[in-house]
PDB file of all heavy atoms in Angstrom:
ATOM      1  N   ASP A   1       9.766  -1.956 -10.256  1.00  0.00           N
ATOM      2  CA  ASP A   1      11.210  -2.326 -10.166  1.00  0.00           C
ATOM      3  C   ASP A   1      11.961  -1.374  -9.219  1.00  0.00           C
ATOM      4  O   ASP A   1      12.785  -1.797  -8.428  1.00  0.00           O
ATOM      5  CB  ASP A   1      11.824  -2.249 -11.520  1.00  0.00           C
ATOM      6  CG  ASP A   1      11.361  -3.345 -12.461  1.00  0.00           C
ATOM      7  OD1 ASP A   1      10.758  -4.351 -11.988  1.00  0.00           O
ATOM      8  OD2 ASP A   1      11.496  -3.186 -13.702  1.00  0.00           O
ATOM      9  N   LEU A   2      11.625  -0.055  -9.291  1.00  0.00           N
ATOM     10  CA  LEU A   2      12.298   0.911  -8.456  1.00  0.00           C
ATOM     11  C   LEU A   2      12.015   0.628  -7.002  1.00  0.00           C
ATOM     12  O   LEU A   2      12.877   0.701  -6.144  1.00  0.00           O
ATOM     13  CB  LEU A   2      11.845   2.328  -8.851  1.00  0.00           C
ATOM     14  CG  LEU A   2      12.648   3.509  -8.342  1.00  0.00           C
ATOM     15  CD1 LEU A   2      14.121   3.412  -8.745  1.00  0.00           C
ATOM     16  CD2 LEU A   2      12.017   4.804  -8.828  1.00  0.00           C
ATOM     17  N   LEU A   3      10.775   0.267  -6.692  1.00  0.00           N
ATOM     18  CA  LEU A   3      10.423  -0.053  -5.313  1.00  0.00           C
ATOM     19  C   LEU A   3      11.154  -1.319  -4.848  1.00  0.00           C
ATOM     20  O   LEU A   3      11.695  -1.383  -3.744  1.00  0.00           O
ATOM     21  CB  LEU A   3       8.952  -0.265  -5.206  1.00  0.00           C
ATOM     22  CG  LEU A   3       8.043   0.899  -4.773  1.00  0.00           C
ATOM     23  CD1 LEU A   3       6.573   0.484  -4.674  1.00  0.00           C
ATOM     24  CD2 LEU A   3       8.478   1.463  -3.450  1.00  0.00           C
ATOM     25  N   ARG A   4      11.085  -2.356  -5.686  1.00  0.00           N
ATOM     26  CA  ARG A   4      11.757  -3.617  -5.328  1.00  0.00           C
ATOM     27  C   ARG A   4      13.239  -3.506  -5.132  1.00  0.00           C
ATOM     28  O   ARG A   4      13.791  -3.995  -4.194  1.00  0.00           O
ATOM     29  CB  ARG A   4      11.422  -4.700  -6.390  1.00  0.00           C
ATOM     30  CG  ARG A   4       9.958  -5.153  -6.327  1.00  0.00           C
ATOM     31  CD  ARG A   4       9.656  -6.099  -7.470  1.00  0.00           C
ATOM     32  NE  ARG A   4       8.346  -6.700  -7.349  1.00  0.00           N
ATOM     33  CZ  ARG A   4       7.716  -7.299  -8.364  1.00  0.00           C
ATOM     34  NH1 ARG A   4       8.300  -7.351  -9.575  1.00  0.00           N
ATOM     35  NH2 ARG A   4       6.514  -7.838  -8.172  1.00  0.00           N
ATOM     36  N   ASP A   5      13.900  -2.709  -6.028  1.00  0.00           N
ATOM     37  CA  ASP A   5      15.282  -2.542  -5.937  1.00  0.00           C
ATOM     38  C   ASP A   5      15.716  -1.772  -4.656  1.00  0.00           C
ATOM     39  O   ASP A   5      16.864  -1.910  -4.233  1.00  0.00           O
ATOM     40  CB  ASP A   5      15.858  -1.795  -7.197  1.00  0.00           C
ATOM     41  CG  ASP A   5      15.777  -2.629  -8.443  1.00  0.00           C
ATOM     42  OD1 ASP A   5      15.519  -3.899  -8.350  1.00  0.00           O
ATOM     43  OD2 ASP A   5      15.816  -2.049  -9.523  1.00  0.00           O
ATOM     44  N   SER A   6      14.816  -1.009  -4.143  1.00  0.00           N
ATOM     45  CA  SER A   6      15.103  -0.192  -2.952  1.00  0.00           C
ATOM     46  C   SER A   6      15.188  -1.143  -1.662  1.00  0.00           C
ATOM     47  O   SER A   6      15.726  -0.759  -0.682  1.00  0.00           O
ATOM     48  CB  SER A   6      14.035   0.827  -2.705  1.00  0.00           C
ATOM     49  OG  SER A   6      12.815   0.247  -2.257  1.00  0.00           O
ATOM     50  N   GLY A   7      14.616  -2.326  -1.829  1.00  0.00           N
ATOM     51  CA  GLY A   7      14.595  -3.273  -0.673  1.00  0.00           C
ATOM     52  C   GLY A   7      13.533  -3.006   0.365  1.00  0.00           C
ATOM     53  O   GLY A   7      13.491  -3.568   1.440  1.00  0.00           O
ATOM     54  N   LEU A   8      12.641  -2.020   0.011  1.00  0.00           N
ATOM     55  CA  LEU A   8      11.586  -1.652   0.986  1.00  0.00           C
ATOM     56  C   LEU A   8      10.448  -2.696   1.039  1.00  0.00           C
ATOM     57  O   LEU A   8      10.088  -3.297   0.014  1.00  0.00           O
ATOM     58  CB  LEU A   8      10.968  -0.298   0.589  1.00  0.00           C
ATOM     59  CG  LEU A   8      11.845   0.953   0.618  1.00  0.00           C
ATOM     60  CD1 LEU A   8      11.172   2.125   0.023  1.00  0.00           C
ATOM     61  CD2 LEU A   8      12.185   1.235   2.098  1.00  0.00           C
ATOM     62  N   GLU A   9       9.922  -2.854   2.246  1.00  0.00           N
ATOM     63  CA  GLU A   9       8.735  -3.641   2.360  1.00  0.00           C
ATOM     64  C   GLU A   9       7.552  -2.782   2.052  1.00  0.00           C
ATOM     65  O   GLU A   9       7.472  -1.669   2.486  1.00  0.00           O
ATOM     66  CB  GLU A   9       8.625  -4.179   3.822  1.00  0.00           C
ATOM     67  CG  GLU A   9       7.467  -5.076   4.088  1.00  0.00           C
ATOM     68  CD  GLU A   9       7.340  -5.551   5.531  1.00  0.00           C
ATOM     69  OE1 GLU A   9       8.253  -5.179   6.343  1.00  0.00           O
ATOM     70  OE2 GLU A   9       6.361  -6.210   5.850  1.00  0.00           O
ATOM     71  N   CYS A  10       6.578  -3.337   1.264  1.00  0.00           N
ATOM     72  CA  CYS A  10       5.443  -2.560   0.831  1.00  0.00           C
ATOM     73  C   CYS A  10       4.148  -3.267   1.135  1.00  0.00           C
ATOM     74  O   CYS A  10       4.016  -4.464   1.099  1.00  0.00           O
ATOM     75  CB  CYS A  10       5.565  -2.364  -0.689  1.00  0.00           C
ATOM     76  SG  CYS A  10       7.027  -1.445  -1.218  1.00  0.00           S
ATOM     77  N   VAL A  11       3.160  -2.381   1.383  1.00  0.00           N
ATOM     78  CA  VAL A  11       1.704  -2.809   1.489  1.00  0.00           C
ATOM     79  C   VAL A  11       1.012  -2.231   0.248  1.00  0.00           C
ATOM     80  O   VAL A  11       1.118  -1.038  -0.014  1.00  0.00           O
ATOM     81  CB  VAL A  11       1.059  -2.239   2.770  1.00  0.00           C
ATOM     82  CG1 VAL A  11      -0.377  -2.618   2.806  1.00  0.00           C
ATOM     83  CG2 VAL A  11       1.879  -2.702   3.998  1.00  0.00           C
ATOM     84  N   PHE A  12       0.311  -3.098  -0.484  1.00  0.00           N
ATOM     85  CA  PHE A  12      -0.284  -2.680  -1.722  1.00  0.00           C
ATOM     86  C   PHE A  12      -1.831  -2.626  -1.589  1.00  0.00           C
ATOM     87  O   PHE A  12      -2.453  -3.468  -0.921  1.00  0.00           O
ATOM     88  CB  PHE A  12       0.048  -3.645  -2.854  1.00  0.00           C
ATOM     89  CG  PHE A  12       1.526  -3.525  -3.335  1.00  0.00           C
ATOM     90  CD1 PHE A  12       2.473  -4.320  -2.713  1.00  0.00           C
ATOM     91  CD2 PHE A  12       1.860  -2.663  -4.355  1.00  0.00           C
ATOM     92  CE1 PHE A  12       3.822  -4.188  -3.126  1.00  0.00           C
ATOM     93  CE2 PHE A  12       3.189  -2.579  -4.772  1.00  0.00           C
ATOM     94  CZ  PHE A  12       4.141  -3.311  -4.120  1.00  0.00           C
ATOM     95  N   ASN A  13      -2.412  -1.593  -2.280  1.00  0.00           N
ATOM     96  CA  ASN A  13      -3.876  -1.563  -2.392  1.00  0.00           C
ATOM     97  C   ASN A  13      -4.262  -2.540  -3.466  1.00  0.00           C
ATOM     98  O   ASN A  13      -3.977  -2.320  -4.692  1.00  0.00           O
ATOM     99  CB  ASN A  13      -4.313  -0.149  -2.755  1.00  0.00           C
ATOM    100  CG  ASN A  13      -5.784  -0.025  -3.094  1.00  0.00           C
ATOM    101  OD1 ASN A  13      -6.556  -1.038  -2.942  1.00  0.00           O
ATOM    102  ND2 ASN A  13      -6.241   1.140  -3.465  1.00  0.00           N
ATOM    103  N   THR A  14      -4.917  -3.621  -3.153  1.00  0.00           N
ATOM    104  CA  THR A  14      -5.302  -4.671  -4.108  1.00  0.00           C
ATOM    105  C   THR A  14      -6.812  -4.613  -4.333  1.00  0.00           C
ATOM    106  O   THR A  14      -7.310  -5.623  -4.937  1.00  0.00           O
ATOM    107  CB  THR A  14      -4.833  -6.051  -3.598  1.00  0.00           C
ATOM    108  OG1 THR A  14      -5.461  -6.329  -2.303  1.00  0.00           O
ATOM    109  CG2 THR A  14      -3.310  -6.124  -3.493  1.00  0.00           C
ATOM    110  N   THR A  15      -7.508  -3.630  -3.939  1.00  0.00           N
ATOM    111  CA  THR A  15      -8.960  -3.596  -4.096  1.00  0.00           C
ATOM    112  C   THR A  15      -9.411  -3.237  -5.504  1.00  0.00           C
ATOM    113  O   THR A  15     -10.542  -3.562  -5.851  1.00  0.00           O
ATOM    114  CB  THR A  15      -9.603  -2.552  -3.113  1.00  0.00           C
ATOM    115  OG1 THR A  15      -9.197  -1.256  -3.515  1.00  0.00           O
ATOM    116  CG2 THR A  15      -9.137  -2.872  -1.662  1.00  0.00           C
ATOM    117  N   GLY A  16      -8.523  -2.654  -6.261  1.00  0.00           N
ATOM    118  CA  GLY A  16      -8.953  -2.209  -7.613  1.00  0.00           C
ATOM    119  C   GLY A  16      -9.779  -0.974  -7.608  1.00  0.00           C
ATOM    120  O   GLY A  16     -10.335  -0.638  -8.659  1.00  0.00           O
ATOM    121  N   ARG A  17      -9.831  -0.277  -6.473  1.00  0.00           N
ATOM    122  CA  ARG A  17     -10.638   0.953  -6.413  1.00  0.00           C
ATOM    123  C   ARG A  17      -9.883   1.931  -5.490  1.00  0.00           C
ATOM    124  O   ARG A  17      -8.920   1.550  -4.849  1.00  0.00           O
ATOM    125  CB  ARG A  17     -12.038   0.666  -5.840  1.00  0.00           C
ATOM    126  CG  ARG A  17     -11.997  -0.050  -4.507  1.00  0.00           C
ATOM    127  CD  ARG A  17     -13.290   0.031  -3.732  1.00  0.00           C
ATOM    128  NE  ARG A  17     -13.317  -0.831  -2.601  1.00  0.00           N
ATOM    129  CZ  ARG A  17     -12.683  -0.563  -1.459  1.00  0.00           C
ATOM    130  NH1 ARG A  17     -11.916   0.563  -1.343  1.00  0.00           N
ATOM    131  NH2 ARG A  17     -12.719  -1.436  -0.468  1.00  0.00           N
ATOM    132  N   ARG A  18     -10.447   3.141  -5.376  1.00  0.00           N
ATOM    133  CA  ARG A  18      -9.887   4.184  -4.484  1.00  0.00           C
ATOM    134  C   ARG A  18      -9.948   3.707  -3.061  1.00  0.00           C
ATOM    135  O   ARG A  18     -11.020   3.195  -2.637  1.00  0.00           O
ATOM    136  CB  ARG A  18     -10.564   5.492  -4.658  1.00  0.00           C
ATOM    137  CG  ARG A  18      -9.980   6.637  -3.889  1.00  0.00           C
ATOM    138  CD  ARG A  18     -10.766   7.921  -4.139  1.00  0.00           C
ATOM    139  NE  ARG A  18     -10.776   8.291  -5.550  1.00  0.00           N
ATOM    140  CZ  ARG A  18     -11.493   9.276  -6.040  1.00  0.00           C
ATOM    141  NH1 ARG A  18     -12.242  10.003  -5.219  1.00  0.00           N
ATOM    142  NH2 ARG A  18     -11.449   9.570  -7.291  1.00  0.00           N
ATOM    143  N   ALA A  19      -8.866   3.853  -2.262  1.00  0.00           N
ATOM    144  CA  ALA A  19      -8.853   3.410  -0.901  1.00  0.00           C
ATOM    145  C   ALA A  19      -9.737   4.277  -0.046  1.00  0.00           C
ATOM    146  O   ALA A  19      -9.798   5.520  -0.297  1.00  0.00           O
ATOM    147  CB  ALA A  19      -7.410   3.470  -0.431  1.00  0.00           C
ATOM    148  N   LYS A  20     -10.359   3.734   0.932  1.00  0.00           N
ATOM    149  CA  LYS A  20     -11.255   4.480   1.901  1.00  0.00           C
ATOM    150  C   LYS A  20     -10.373   4.836   3.043  1.00  0.00           C
ATOM    151  O   LYS A  20      -9.305   4.347   3.333  1.00  0.00           O
ATOM    152  CB  LYS A  20     -12.398   3.578   2.291  1.00  0.00           C
ATOM    153  CG  LYS A  20     -13.289   3.174   1.151  1.00  0.00           C
ATOM    154  CD  LYS A  20     -14.391   2.194   1.695  1.00  0.00           C
ATOM    155  CE  LYS A  20     -15.271   1.723   0.526  1.00  0.00           C
ATOM    156  NZ  LYS A  20     -16.305   0.763   0.999  1.00  0.00           N
ATOM    157  N   ARG A  21     -10.941   5.870   3.840  1.00  0.00           N
ATOM    158  CA  ARG A  21     -10.198   6.360   5.015  1.00  0.00           C
ATOM    159  C   ARG A  21      -9.849   5.288   5.934  1.00  0.00           C
ATOM    160  O   ARG A  21      -8.707   5.188   6.460  1.00  0.00           O
ATOM    161  CB  ARG A  21     -11.047   7.467   5.757  1.00  0.00           C
ATOM    162  CG  ARG A  21     -11.235   8.714   4.901  1.00  0.00           C
ATOM    163  CD  ARG A  21     -12.146   9.688   5.678  1.00  0.00           C
ATOM    164  NE  ARG A  21     -11.414  10.273   6.828  1.00  0.00           N
ATOM    165  CZ  ARG A  21     -11.623   9.881   8.047  1.00  0.00           C
ATOM    166  NH1 ARG A  21     -12.493   8.963   8.361  1.00  0.00           N
ATOM    167  NH2 ARG A  21     -10.972  10.502   9.078  1.00  0.00           N
ATOM    168  N   GLU A  22     -10.826   4.408   6.236  1.00  0.00           N
ATOM    169  CA  GLU A  22     -10.606   3.379   7.217  1.00  0.00           C
ATOM    170  C   GLU A  22      -9.501   2.408   6.779  1.00  0.00           C
ATOM    171  O   GLU A  22      -8.731   1.870   7.533  1.00  0.00           O
ATOM    172  CB  GLU A  22     -11.869   2.573   7.465  1.00  0.00           C
ATOM    173  CG  GLU A  22     -13.079   3.408   7.892  1.00  0.00           C
ATOM    174  CD  GLU A  22     -13.736   4.130   6.671  1.00  0.00           C
ATOM    175  OE1 GLU A  22     -13.864   3.483   5.651  1.00  0.00           O
ATOM    176  OE2 GLU A  22     -14.069   5.308   6.856  1.00  0.00           O
ATOM    177  N   GLU A  23      -9.456   2.165   5.468  1.00  0.00           N
ATOM    178  CA  GLU A  23      -8.432   1.233   4.902  1.00  0.00           C
ATOM    179  C   GLU A  23      -7.010   1.857   4.996  1.00  0.00           C
ATOM    180  O   GLU A  23      -6.056   1.243   5.370  1.00  0.00           O
ATOM    181  CB  GLU A  23      -8.790   0.896   3.456  1.00  0.00           C
ATOM    182  CG  GLU A  23     -10.044   0.079   3.325  1.00  0.00           C
ATOM    183  CD  GLU A  23     -10.545  -0.047   1.877  1.00  0.00           C
ATOM    184  OE1 GLU A  23     -10.275   0.859   1.077  1.00  0.00           O
ATOM    185  OE2 GLU A  23     -11.204  -1.083   1.603  1.00  0.00           O
ATOM    186  N   LEU A  24      -7.000   3.177   4.709  1.00  0.00           N
ATOM    187  CA  LEU A  24      -5.685   3.883   4.845  1.00  0.00           C
ATOM    188  C   LEU A  24      -5.164   3.797   6.244  1.00  0.00           C
ATOM    189  O   LEU A  24      -3.993   3.593   6.463  1.00  0.00           O
ATOM    190  CB  LEU A  24      -5.841   5.343   4.417  1.00  0.00           C
ATOM    191  CG  LEU A  24      -6.190   5.642   2.939  1.00  0.00           C
ATOM    192  CD1 LEU A  24      -6.458   7.089   2.730  1.00  0.00           C
ATOM    193  CD2 LEU A  24      -4.978   5.199   2.036  1.00  0.00           C
ATOM    194  N   MET A  25      -6.071   3.974   7.176  1.00  0.00           N
ATOM    195  CA  MET A  25      -5.699   3.966   8.586  1.00  0.00           C
ATOM    196  C   MET A  25      -5.227   2.613   9.049  1.00  0.00           C
ATOM    197  O   MET A  25      -4.261   2.478   9.865  1.00  0.00           O
ATOM    198  CB  MET A  25      -6.866   4.465   9.448  1.00  0.00           C
ATOM    199  CG  MET A  25      -7.214   5.921   9.256  1.00  0.00           C
ATOM    200  SD  MET A  25      -8.881   6.456   9.825  1.00  0.00           S
ATOM    201  CE  MET A  25      -8.492   6.548  11.560  1.00  0.00           C
ATOM    202  N   GLU A  26      -5.837   1.594   8.495  1.00  0.00           N
ATOM    203  CA  GLU A  26      -5.416   0.202   8.795  1.00  0.00           C
ATOM    204  C   GLU A  26      -4.087  -0.139   8.074  1.00  0.00           C
ATOM    205  O   GLU A  26      -3.130  -0.636   8.699  1.00  0.00           O
ATOM    206  CB  GLU A  26      -6.513  -0.751   8.399  1.00  0.00           C
ATOM    207  CG  GLU A  26      -6.133  -2.211   8.627  1.00  0.00           C
ATOM    208  CD  GLU A  26      -7.175  -3.182   8.054  1.00  0.00           C
ATOM    209  OE1 GLU A  26      -8.279  -2.735   7.659  1.00  0.00           O
ATOM    210  OE2 GLU A  26      -6.922  -4.418   8.026  1.00  0.00           O
ATOM    211  N   TRP A  27      -4.081   0.090   6.786  1.00  0.00           N
ATOM    212  CA  TRP A  27      -2.872  -0.344   6.004  1.00  0.00           C
ATOM    213  C   TRP A  27      -1.622   0.485   6.361  1.00  0.00           C
ATOM    214  O   TRP A  27      -0.562  -0.030   6.311  1.00  0.00           O
ATOM    215  CB  TRP A  27      -3.140  -0.150   4.485  1.00  0.00           C
ATOM    216  CG  TRP A  27      -4.278  -0.935   3.981  1.00  0.00           C
ATOM    217  CD1 TRP A  27      -4.796  -2.048   4.499  1.00  0.00           C
ATOM    218  CD2 TRP A  27      -5.023  -0.650   2.761  1.00  0.00           C
ATOM    219  NE1 TRP A  27      -5.874  -2.472   3.709  1.00  0.00           N
ATOM    220  CE2 TRP A  27      -6.016  -1.606   2.651  1.00  0.00           C
ATOM    221  CE3 TRP A  27      -4.976   0.370   1.787  1.00  0.00           C
ATOM    222  CZ2 TRP A  27      -6.936  -1.664   1.559  1.00  0.00           C
ATOM    223  CZ3 TRP A  27      -5.864   0.325   0.749  1.00  0.00           C
ATOM    224  CH2 TRP A  27      -6.816  -0.680   0.626  1.00  0.00           C
ATOM    225  N   GLY A  28      -1.862   1.719   6.704  1.00  0.00           N
ATOM    226  CA  GLY A  28      -0.695   2.623   6.929  1.00  0.00           C
ATOM    227  C   GLY A  28      -0.294   2.784   8.361  1.00  0.00           C
ATOM    228  O   GLY A  28       0.587   3.635   8.637  1.00  0.00           O
ATOM    229  N   ALA A  29      -0.796   1.975   9.284  1.00  0.00           N
ATOM    230  CA  ALA A  29      -0.524   2.145  10.695  1.00  0.00           C
ATOM    231  C   ALA A  29       1.003   2.129  10.977  1.00  0.00           C
ATOM    232  O   ALA A  29       1.423   2.799  11.940  1.00  0.00           O
ATOM    233  CB  ALA A  29      -1.238   1.064  11.449  1.00  0.00           C
TER     234      ALA A  29
END
């Protein structure tokens, strides 16, 4: 709710596991 109320656009980790380095680099570009 706090994120949504801020109006920010978000990218979520939907893998259900710890993110890998390559995924962080792609998602967080």
